[in-house]
Amino acid sequence: SDNENVATVSSDGTVTAVHTGTANITV
């Protein structure tokens, strides 16, 4: 994730919303 303050991603591709805003998840 390029912005883990907004969204994180686990090793299986699960995205978790942390805070309002935008982020890019890349595999």
PDB file of all heavy atoms in Angstrom:
ATOM      1  N   SER A   1       0.858  -1.188   0.000  1.00  0.00           N
ATOM      2  CA  SER A   1       0.000   0.000   0.000  1.00  0.00           C
ATOM      3  C   SER A   1       0.889   1.231   0.000  1.00  0.00           C
ATOM      4  O   SER A   1       1.883   1.287   0.734  1.00  0.00           O
ATOM      5  CB  SER A   1      -0.905   0.021   1.227  1.00  0.00           C
ATOM      6  OG  SER A   1      -1.546   1.277   1.358  1.00  0.00           O
ATOM      7  N   ASP A   2       0.530   2.236  -0.823  1.00  0.00           N
ATOM      8  CA  ASP A   2       1.342   3.452  -0.849  1.00  0.00           C
ATOM      9  C   ASP A   2       0.912   4.458   0.222  1.00  0.00           C
ATOM     10  O   ASP A   2       1.503   5.519   0.350  1.00  0.00           O
ATOM     11  CB  ASP A   2       1.300   4.106  -2.232  1.00  0.00           C
ATOM     12  CG  ASP A   2      -0.047   4.710  -2.580  1.00  0.00           C
ATOM     13  OD1 ASP A   2      -1.021   4.464  -1.848  1.00  0.00           O
ATOM     14  OD2 ASP A   2      -0.123   5.430  -3.600  1.00  0.00           O
ATOM     15  N   ASN A   3      -0.121   4.104   1.004  1.00  0.00           N
ATOM     16  CA  ASN A   3      -0.565   4.987   2.087  1.00  0.00           C
ATOM     17  C   ASN A   3      -1.223   4.139   3.169  1.00  0.00           C
ATOM     18  O   ASN A   3      -2.436   3.971   3.207  1.00  0.00           O
ATOM     19  CB  ASN A   3      -1.541   6.043   1.557  1.00  0.00           C
ATOM     20  CG  ASN A   3      -1.821   7.137   2.582  1.00  0.00           C
ATOM     21  OD1 ASN A   3      -1.501   7.008   3.766  1.00  0.00           O
ATOM     22  ND2 ASN A   3      -2.454   8.214   2.127  1.00  0.00           N
ATOM     23  N   GLU A   4      -0.418   3.598   4.060  1.00  0.00           N
ATOM     24  CA  GLU A   4      -0.940   2.697   5.087  1.00  0.00           C
ATOM     25  C   GLU A   4      -1.718   3.434   6.156  1.00  0.00           C
ATOM     26  O   GLU A   4      -2.387   2.801   6.983  1.00  0.00           O
ATOM     27  CB  GLU A   4       0.205   1.902   5.705  1.00  0.00           C
ATOM     28  CG  GLU A   4       0.838   0.916   4.717  1.00  0.00           C
ATOM     29  CD  GLU A   4       1.787  -0.050   5.393  1.00  0.00           C
ATOM     30  OE1 GLU A   4       2.252   0.270   6.519  1.00  0.00           O
ATOM     31  OE2 GLU A   4       2.037  -1.121   4.817  1.00  0.00           O
ATOM     32  N   ASN A   5      -1.640   4.767   6.206  1.00  0.00           N
ATOM     33  CA  ASN A   5      -2.476   5.529   7.124  1.00  0.00           C
ATOM     34  C   ASN A   5      -3.937   5.494   6.683  1.00  0.00           C
ATOM     35  O   ASN A   5      -4.841   5.738   7.488  1.00  0.00           O
ATOM     36  CB  ASN A   5      -2.003   6.987   7.200  1.00  0.00           C
ATOM     37  CG  ASN A   5      -0.656   7.107   7.875  1.00  0.00           C
ATOM     38  OD1 ASN A   5      -0.356   6.372   8.815  1.00  0.00           O
ATOM     39  ND2 ASN A   5       0.155   8.036   7.400  1.00  0.00           N
ATOM     40  N   VAL A   6      -4.158   5.206   5.393  1.00  0.00           N
ATOM     41  CA  VAL A   6      -5.507   5.133   4.841  1.00  0.00           C
ATOM     42  C   VAL A   6      -5.971   3.689   4.699  1.00  0.00           C
ATOM     43  O   VAL A   6      -7.083   3.339   5.092  1.00  0.00           O
ATOM     44  CB  VAL A   6      -5.580   5.853   3.473  1.00  0.00           C
ATOM     45  CG1 VAL A   6      -6.934   5.610   2.802  1.00  0.00           C
ATOM     46  CG2 VAL A   6      -5.339   7.340   3.666  1.00  0.00           C
ATOM     47  N   ALA A   7      -5.114   2.833   4.102  1.00  0.00           N
ATOM     48  CA  ALA A   7      -5.494   1.434   3.889  1.00  0.00           C
ATOM     49  C   ALA A   7      -4.261   0.550   3.951  1.00  0.00           C
ATOM     50  O   ALA A   7      -3.199   0.901   3.425  1.00  0.00           O
ATOM     51  CB  ALA A   7      -6.188   1.265   2.545  1.00  0.00           C
ATOM     52  N   THR A   8      -4.413  -0.604   4.579  1.00  0.00           N
ATOM     53  CA  THR A   8      -3.338  -1.592   4.635  1.00  0.00           C
ATOM     54  C   THR A   8      -3.752  -2.809   3.823  1.00  0.00           C
ATOM     55  O   THR A   8      -4.938  -2.996   3.513  1.00  0.00           O
ATOM     56  CB  THR A   8      -3.044  -2.020   6.081  1.00  0.00           C
ATOM     57  OG1 THR A   8      -4.230  -2.606   6.639  1.00  0.00           O
ATOM     58  CG2 THR A   8      -2.617  -0.817   6.922  1.00  0.00           C
ATOM     59  N   VAL A   9      -2.783  -3.653   3.484  1.00  0.00           N
ATOM     60  CA  VAL A   9      -3.088  -4.871   2.754  1.00  0.00           C
ATOM     61  C   VAL A   9      -2.247  -6.003   3.328  1.00  0.00           C
ATOM     62  O   VAL A   9      -1.059  -5.830   3.637  1.00  0.00           O
ATOM     63  CB  VAL A   9      -2.821  -4.706   1.246  1.00  0.00           C
ATOM     64  CG1 VAL A   9      -1.364  -4.388   0.948  1.00  0.00           C
ATOM     65  CG2 VAL A   9      -3.292  -5.930   0.462  1.00  0.00           C
ATOM     66  N   SER A  10      -2.873  -7.160   3.506  1.00  0.00           N
ATOM     67  CA  SER A  10      -2.178  -8.321   4.059  1.00  0.00           C
ATOM     68  C   SER A  10      -1.571  -9.158   2.949  1.00  0.00           C
ATOM     69  O   SER A  10      -1.766  -8.892   1.763  1.00  0.00           O
ATOM     70  CB  SER A  10      -3.159  -9.166   4.884  1.00  0.00           C
ATOM     71  OG  SER A  10      -4.144  -9.722   4.034  1.00  0.00           O
ATOM     72  N   SER A  11      -0.864 -10.203   3.325  1.00  0.00           N
ATOM     73  CA  SER A  11      -0.162 -11.048   2.353  1.00  0.00           C
ATOM     74  C   SER A  11      -1.111 -11.862   1.481  1.00  0.00           C
ATOM     75  O   SER A  11      -0.689 -12.409   0.466  1.00  0.00           O
ATOM     76  CB  SER A  11       0.802 -11.990   3.080  1.00  0.00           C
ATOM     77  OG  SER A  11       0.088 -12.819   3.995  1.00  0.00           O
ATOM     78  N   ASP A  12      -2.387 -11.943   1.875  1.00  0.00           N
ATOM     79  CA  ASP A  12      -3.346 -12.669   1.048  1.00  0.00           C
ATOM     80  C   ASP A  12      -4.234 -11.726   0.235  1.00  0.00           C
ATOM     81  O   ASP A  12      -5.215 -12.152  -0.373  1.00  0.00           O
ATOM     82  CB  ASP A  12      -4.213 -13.597   1.898  1.00  0.00           C
ATOM     83  CG  ASP A  12      -5.137 -12.842   2.850  1.00  0.00           C
ATOM     84  OD1 ASP A  12      -4.987 -11.607   2.979  1.00  0.00           O
ATOM     85  OD2 ASP A  12      -6.004 -13.493   3.472  1.00  0.00           O
ATOM     86  N   GLY A  13      -3.920 -10.410   0.236  1.00  0.00           N
ATOM     87  CA  GLY A  13      -4.666  -9.443  -0.562  1.00  0.00           C
ATOM     88  C   GLY A  13      -5.853  -8.824   0.147  1.00  0.00           C
ATOM     89  O   GLY A  13      -6.657  -8.138  -0.492  1.00  0.00           O
ATOM     90  N   THR A  14      -5.970  -9.009   1.462  1.00  0.00           N
ATOM     91  CA  THR A  14      -7.073  -8.408   2.203  1.00  0.00           C
ATOM     92  C   THR A  14      -6.759  -6.950   2.508  1.00  0.00           C
ATOM     93  O   THR A  14      -5.764  -6.637   3.168  1.00  0.00           O
ATOM     94  CB  THR A  14      -7.337  -9.160   3.512  1.00  0.00           C
ATOM     95  OG1 THR A  14      -7.664 -10.523   3.213  1.00  0.00           O
ATOM     96  CG2 THR A  14      -8.480  -8.514   4.280  1.00  0.00           C
ATOM     97  N   VAL A  15      -7.633  -6.059   2.019  1.00  0.00           N
ATOM     98  CA  VAL A  15      -7.457  -4.622   2.220  1.00  0.00           C
ATOM     99  C   VAL A  15      -8.305  -4.179   3.406  1.00  0.00           C
ATOM    100  O   VAL A  15      -9.504  -4.503   3.480  1.00  0.00           O
ATOM    101  CB  VAL A  15      -7.877  -3.834   0.958  1.00  0.00           C
ATOM    102  CG1 VAL A  15      -7.703  -2.328   1.183  1.00  0.00           C
ATOM    103  CG2 VAL A  15      -7.083  -4.305  -0.244  1.00  0.00           C
ATOM    104  N   THR A  16      -7.707  -3.427   4.320  1.00  0.00           N
ATOM    105  CA  THR A  16      -8.409  -2.930   5.498  1.00  0.00           C
ATOM    106  C   THR A  16      -8.386  -1.409   5.504  1.00  0.00           C
ATOM    107  O   THR A  16      -7.318  -0.801   5.383  1.00  0.00           O
ATOM    108  CB  THR A  16      -7.780  -3.459   6.794  1.00  0.00           C
ATOM    109  OG1 THR A  16      -7.812  -4.890   6.779  1.00  0.00           O
ATOM    110  CG2 THR A  16      -8.516  -2.942   8.018  1.00  0.00           C
ATOM    111  N   ALA A  17      -9.570  -0.802   5.616  1.00  0.00           N
ATOM    112  CA  ALA A  17      -9.692   0.655   5.633  1.00  0.00           C
ATOM    113  C   ALA A  17      -9.328   1.187   7.017  1.00  0.00           C
ATOM    114  O   ALA A  17      -9.940   0.807   8.018  1.00  0.00           O
ATOM    115  CB  ALA A  17     -11.106   1.059   5.260  1.00  0.00           C
ATOM    116  N   VAL A  18      -8.346   2.080   7.095  1.00  0.00           N
ATOM    117  CA  VAL A  18      -7.841   2.597   8.366  1.00  0.00           C
ATOM    118  C   VAL A  18      -8.377   3.995   8.655  1.00  0.00           C
ATOM    119  O   VAL A  18      -8.814   4.304   9.764  1.00  0.00           O
ATOM    120  CB  VAL A  18      -6.305   2.617   8.367  1.00  0.00           C
ATOM    121  CG1 VAL A  18      -5.767   3.207   9.667  1.00  0.00           C
ATOM    122  CG2 VAL A  18      -5.753   1.215   8.147  1.00  0.00           C
ATOM    123  N   HIS A  19      -8.361   4.859   7.629  1.00  0.00           N
ATOM    124  CA  HIS A  19      -8.747   6.252   7.828  1.00  0.00           C
ATOM    125  C   HIS A  19      -9.247   6.799   6.507  1.00  0.00           C
ATOM    126  O   HIS A  19      -8.889   6.295   5.435  1.00  0.00           O
ATOM    127  CB  HIS A  19      -7.544   7.069   8.336  1.00  0.00           C
ATOM    128  CG  HIS A  19      -7.916   8.372   8.948  1.00  0.00           C
ATOM    129  ND1 HIS A  19      -8.151   9.505   8.211  1.00  0.00           N
ATOM    130  CD2 HIS A  19      -8.111   8.732  10.258  1.00  0.00           C
ATOM    131  CE1 HIS A  19      -8.474  10.512   9.017  1.00  0.00           C
ATOM    132  NE2 HIS A  19      -8.450  10.056  10.279  1.00  0.00           N
ATOM    133  N   THR A  20     -10.085   7.817   6.568  1.00  0.00           N
ATOM    134  CA  THR A  20     -10.615   8.400   5.334  1.00  0.00           C
ATOM    135  C   THR A  20      -9.491   8.947   4.463  1.00  0.00           C
ATOM    136  O   THR A  20      -8.502   9.495   4.962  1.00  0.00           O
ATOM    137  CB  THR A  20     -11.608   9.521   5.650  1.00  0.00           C
ATOM    138  OG1 THR A  20     -10.970  10.502   6.476  1.00  0.00           O
ATOM    139  CG2 THR A  20     -12.846   8.985   6.328  1.00  0.00           C
ATOM    140  N   GLY A  21      -9.647   8.776   3.162  1.00  0.00           N
ATOM    141  CA  GLY A  21      -8.634   9.233   2.207  1.00  0.00           C
ATOM    142  C   GLY A  21      -8.516   8.244   1.057  1.00  0.00           C
ATOM    143  O   GLY A  21      -9.419   7.430   0.812  1.00  0.00           O
ATOM    144  N   THR A  22      -7.405   8.326   0.348  1.00  0.00           N
ATOM    145  CA  THR A  22      -7.182   7.432  -0.795  1.00  0.00           C
ATOM    146  C   THR A  22      -5.820   6.757  -0.691  1.00  0.00           C
ATOM    147  O   THR A  22      -4.877   7.303  -0.113  1.00  0.00           O
ATOM    148  CB  THR A  22      -7.254   8.204  -2.123  1.00  0.00           C
ATOM    149  OG1 THR A  22      -6.252   9.236  -2.125  1.00  0.00           O
ATOM    150  CG2 THR A  22      -8.621   8.820  -2.338  1.00  0.00           C
ATOM    151  N   ALA A  23      -5.745   5.576  -1.282  1.00  0.00           N
ATOM    152  CA  ALA A  23      -4.485   4.817  -1.320  1.00  0.00           C
ATOM    153  C   ALA A  23      -4.505   3.912  -2.540  1.00  0.00           C
ATOM    154  O   ALA A  23      -5.573   3.564  -3.055  1.00  0.00           O
ATOM    155  CB  ALA A  23      -4.317   3.989  -0.048  1.00  0.00           C
ATOM    156  N   ASN A  24      -3.343   3.535  -2.989  1.00  0.00           N
ATOM    157  CA  ASN A  24      -3.204   2.580  -4.085  1.00  0.00           C
ATOM    158  C   ASN A  24      -2.629   1.281  -3.551  1.00  0.00           C
ATOM    159  O   ASN A  24      -1.567   1.280  -2.912  1.00  0.00           O
ATOM    160  CB  ASN A  24      -2.293   3.132  -5.181  1.00  0.00           C
ATOM    161  CG  ASN A  24      -2.966   4.207  -5.999  1.00  0.00           C
ATOM    162  OD1 ASN A  24      -4.080   4.021  -6.478  1.00  0.00           O
ATOM    163  ND2 ASN A  24      -2.307   5.346  -6.159  1.00  0.00           N
ATOM    164  N   ILE A  25      -3.329   0.196  -3.812  1.00  0.00           N
ATOM    165  CA  ILE A  25      -2.849  -1.133  -3.435  1.00  0.00           C
ATOM    166  C   ILE A  25      -2.228  -1.768  -4.684  1.00  0.00           C
ATOM    167  O   ILE A  25      -2.868  -1.836  -5.737  1.00  0.00           O
ATOM    168  CB  ILE A  25      -3.991  -2.021  -2.918  1.00  0.00           C
ATOM    169  CG1 ILE A  25      -4.680  -1.355  -1.729  1.00  0.00           C
ATOM    170  CG2 ILE A  25      -3.462  -3.402  -2.553  1.00  0.00           C
ATOM    171  CD1 ILE A  25      -3.767  -1.098  -0.538  1.00  0.00           C
ATOM    172  N   THR A  26      -0.995  -2.245  -4.557  1.00  0.00           N
ATOM    173  CA  THR A  26      -0.284  -2.821  -5.700  1.00  0.00           C
ATOM    174  C   THR A  26       0.149  -4.246  -5.376  1.00  0.00           C
ATOM    175  O   THR A  26       0.634  -4.520  -4.280  1.00  0.00           O
ATOM    176  CB  THR A  26       0.956  -1.982  -6.055  1.00  0.00           C
ATOM    177  OG1 THR A  26       0.541  -0.653  -6.381  1.00  0.00           O
ATOM    178  CG2 THR A  26       1.698  -2.576  -7.246  1.00  0.00           C
ATOM    179  N   VAL A  27      -0.042  -5.129  -6.353  1.00  0.00           N
ATOM    180  CA  VAL A  27       0.458  -6.495  -6.237  1.00  0.00           C
ATOM    181  C   VAL A  27       1.550  -6.669  -7.281  1.00  0.00           C
ATOM    182  O   VAL A  27       1.397  -6.259  -8.429  1.00  0.00           O
ATOM    183  CB  VAL A  27      -0.667  -7.535  -6.422  1.00  0.00           C
ATOM    184  CG1 VAL A  27      -1.327  -7.425  -7.778  1.00  0.00           C
ATOM    185  CG2 VAL A  27      -0.147  -8.946  -6.166  1.00  0.00           C
TER     186      VAL A  27
END
